[in-house]
Protein backbone atom coordinates (compact mmCIF):
# COMPACT_ATOMS: atom_id res chain seq x y z
CA MET A 1 -3.90 -12.89 34.92
CA SER A 2 -7.58 -12.08 34.28
CA ARG A 3 -7.26 -9.14 36.68
CA PHE A 4 -4.54 -7.73 34.48
CA PHE A 5 -6.76 -7.92 31.38
CA LEU A 6 -9.65 -6.41 33.32
CA PHE A 7 -7.37 -3.59 34.45
CA LEU A 8 -6.12 -3.08 30.88
CA LEU A 9 -9.67 -3.03 29.53
CA ALA A 10 -10.78 -0.53 32.17
CA PHE A 11 -7.78 1.65 31.40
CA LEU A 12 -8.43 1.60 27.65
CA LEU A 13 -12.10 2.36 28.11
CA ALA A 14 -11.26 5.22 30.41
CA THR A 15 -8.82 6.68 27.89
CA ALA A 16 -11.47 6.54 25.17
CA VAL A 17 -13.31 9.43 26.81
CA LEU A 18 -11.37 12.36 25.40
CA GLY A 19 -11.26 15.57 27.38
CA ASP A 20 -12.42 13.99 30.65
CA ALA A 21 -10.20 13.54 33.68
CA LEU A 22 -9.22 10.09 34.91
CA TYR A 23 -8.90 9.36 38.63
CA LYS A 24 -7.11 6.45 40.29
CA TRP A 25 -7.51 5.27 43.90
CA VAL A 26 -6.88 2.21 46.04
CA ASP A 27 -9.67 0.96 48.30
CA GLU A 28 -9.27 -0.47 51.83
CA LYS A 29 -8.74 -4.00 50.43
CA GLY A 30 -5.88 -2.86 48.16
CA ASN A 31 -7.89 -2.98 44.91
CA VAL A 32 -6.97 -0.30 42.36
CA HIS A 33 -9.91 1.59 40.84
CA TYR A 34 -10.19 4.03 37.94
CA SER A 35 -13.04 6.44 37.37
CA ASP A 36 -13.98 9.65 35.60
CA THR A 37 -15.37 11.05 38.88
CA PRO A 38 -13.13 11.94 41.82
CA HIS A 39 -13.27 9.81 45.00
CA PRO A 40 -11.74 10.48 48.45
CA GLY A 41 -8.01 9.83 48.19
CA ALA A 42 -8.09 9.64 44.37
CA VAL A 43 -5.18 10.91 42.30
CA LYS A 44 -5.75 12.53 38.90
CA VAL A 45 -3.97 10.52 36.19
CA GLN A 46 -2.24 12.47 33.41
CA LEU A 47 -2.75 10.70 30.08
CA PRO A 48 -0.72 11.41 26.96
CA HIS A 49 -2.57 12.89 24.02
CA ALA A 50 -3.90 10.49 21.45
CA GLN A 51 -1.58 9.82 18.54
CA THR A 52 -2.89 11.29 15.30
CA TYR A 53 -1.79 11.38 11.70
CA ALA A 54 -2.25 14.17 9.20
CA PRO A 55 -1.49 13.13 5.61
CA PRO A 56 0.63 15.51 3.57
CA THR A 57 -1.22 17.79 1.24
CA ASN A 58 -0.86 17.13 -2.46
CA ALA A 59 1.19 19.96 -3.86
CA VAL A 60 0.64 18.87 -7.47
CA THR A 61 -1.92 21.01 -9.27
CA PRO A 62 -3.70 19.60 -12.30
CA PRO A 63 -2.76 21.20 -15.60
CA VAL A 64 -5.14 23.67 -17.16
CA VAL A 65 -6.67 22.11 -20.24
CA ASN A 66 -7.96 24.23 -23.09
CA ALA A 67 -8.34 23.72 -26.82
CA GLN A 68 -4.70 24.61 -27.54
CA ASN A 69 -3.09 22.26 -25.02
CA ALA A 70 -5.72 19.53 -24.70
CA PRO A 71 -4.05 16.16 -24.28
CA ALA A 72 -4.56 13.70 -27.10
CA ALA A 73 -6.93 10.85 -26.32
CA GLU A 74 -5.05 7.78 -25.15
CA ALA A 75 -5.39 4.84 -27.51
CA TYR A 76 -7.24 1.79 -26.21
CA SER A 77 -4.94 -1.11 -25.47
CA GLN A 78 -7.52 -3.76 -24.56
CA LEU A 79 -11.20 -4.56 -24.92
CA GLN A 80 -12.07 -8.01 -23.65
CA ILE A 81 -15.32 -9.77 -22.82
CA THR A 82 -14.84 -11.01 -19.26
CA ALA A 83 -18.26 -12.61 -18.77
CA PRO A 84 -19.52 -14.92 -20.03
CA THR A 85 -16.35 -16.82 -20.83
CA ASP A 86 -15.95 -18.50 -24.20
CA GLN A 87 -17.85 -21.82 -24.38
CA GLN A 88 -19.55 -21.20 -21.00
CA MET A 89 -22.73 -23.17 -20.32
CA PHE A 90 -25.74 -21.67 -18.51
CA TRP A 91 -28.55 -23.82 -17.15
CA ASN A 92 -32.17 -22.68 -16.89
CA VAL A 93 -31.52 -18.91 -17.12
CA GLU A 94 -33.72 -16.26 -18.65
CA SER A 95 -31.04 -13.56 -18.92
CA VAL A 96 -27.28 -13.24 -19.28
CA THR A 97 -25.11 -10.26 -18.32
CA VAL A 98 -22.20 -9.53 -20.65
CA SER A 99 -19.30 -7.68 -18.98
CA VAL A 100 -16.16 -6.22 -20.54
CA ALA A 101 -12.76 -4.91 -19.44
CA LEU A 102 -11.55 -1.78 -21.24
CA GLU A 103 -8.08 -0.29 -20.87
CA PRO A 104 -7.82 2.63 -20.46
CA GLY A 105 -11.33 3.56 -19.43
CA LEU A 106 -13.89 4.85 -21.90
CA GLN A 107 -12.79 8.20 -23.37
CA SER A 108 -15.09 11.21 -23.44
CA GLY A 109 -17.27 11.16 -26.54
CA ASP A 110 -16.74 7.45 -27.20
CA SER A 111 -19.45 4.80 -26.88
CA LEU A 112 -19.31 1.13 -25.88
CA THR A 113 -21.58 -1.28 -27.74
CA ILE A 114 -22.26 -4.76 -26.37
CA SER A 115 -24.17 -7.25 -28.54
CA VAL A 116 -25.68 -10.69 -28.17
CA ASP A 117 -26.85 -12.39 -31.35
CA GLY A 118 -27.00 -9.03 -33.13
CA GLN A 119 -29.12 -7.35 -30.42
CA SER A 120 -26.99 -4.32 -29.43
CA LYS A 121 -26.97 -2.02 -26.42
CA SER A 122 -24.80 1.11 -26.50
CA GLY A 123 -23.70 3.52 -23.80
CA THR A 124 -20.95 3.96 -21.24
CA ALA A 125 -21.70 0.97 -18.97
CA LEU A 126 -19.15 -1.87 -18.93
CA SER A 127 -21.90 -4.49 -18.68
CA GLN A 128 -25.30 -5.07 -20.23
CA THR A 129 -27.98 -7.64 -19.42
CA PHE A 130 -29.83 -9.40 -22.21
CA GLN A 131 -33.27 -10.89 -21.44
CA ASP A 132 -35.33 -13.68 -22.97
CA LEU A 133 -32.49 -15.61 -24.53
CA GLY A 134 -33.58 -18.97 -25.86
CA ARG A 135 -31.84 -22.26 -25.37
CA GLY A 136 -28.90 -23.06 -27.60
CA GLU A 137 -25.79 -21.28 -28.85
CA HIS A 138 -25.33 -17.52 -28.52
CA SER A 139 -22.57 -15.10 -29.54
CA ALA A 140 -21.49 -11.98 -27.61
CA ALA A 141 -19.44 -9.13 -29.08
CA ALA A 142 -18.26 -5.70 -27.96
CA SER A 143 -16.75 -2.65 -29.61
CA VAL A 144 -15.93 1.00 -28.93
CA THR A 145 -16.85 3.69 -31.42
CA ASN A 146 -15.72 7.31 -31.40
CA GLY A 147 -17.94 10.38 -31.72
CA ASP A 148 -17.85 10.08 -35.53
CA GLY A 149 -19.22 6.53 -35.37
CA ALA A 150 -15.95 4.93 -36.42
CA LYS A 151 -15.05 1.66 -34.69
CA VAL A 152 -11.93 2.21 -32.57
CA ILE A 153 -11.44 -1.24 -31.01
CA ALA A 154 -13.36 -4.52 -30.95
CA ALA A 155 -13.25 -7.47 -28.57
CA THR A 156 -12.83 -11.06 -29.67
CA PRO A 157 -16.38 -12.49 -29.71
CA VAL A 158 -17.29 -15.29 -27.30
CA THR A 159 -19.75 -18.13 -27.70
CA PHE A 160 -21.90 -19.32 -24.81
CA PHE A 161 -24.71 -21.82 -24.47
CA ILE A 162 -28.03 -21.91 -22.63
CA GLN A 163 -29.50 -25.27 -21.69
CA ARG A 164 -32.92 -25.90 -20.22
CA GLY A 165 -34.02 -28.92 -18.28
CA THR A 166 -37.08 -30.78 -19.46
CA ARG A 167 -39.71 -32.48 -17.35
CA LYS A 168 -40.88 -35.88 -18.45
CA THR A 169 -44.62 -36.36 -18.55
CA HIS A 170 -46.09 -39.85 -18.37
């Protein structure tokens, strides 16, 4: 049985060399050999071509967008703070990353603001890290504003806690 697997392995390795000829011969003891170099009494083995796949081309062309036919911005359906979760407890941390999920993605010209305890960071990133947070209760909020500064959607705020261990001194 192991000879069969050895033969199969040798055959597969030999077929991996594309474009090279494969030769098969039987030695005086009856052992079958395969090689990429011809030997006395060897027969050239014809291998089928490797199976390939070519994906179909996408025949759909994107529409031309100009000022007259520009699609209207899709309304946001969801803005949710995904981390930290409401009432989550952190132990002995110096920073917390607030992450949000926004559906659909942030529209061109809009800005995402993420806040912790009134300290805000705006931009296009779906997460922001806040450093040097003290122990105790903290509140995270998020909102999207349009180019005019008007709030478009706001997430439900979450509350999280930071605890710090203390070392007893005697």
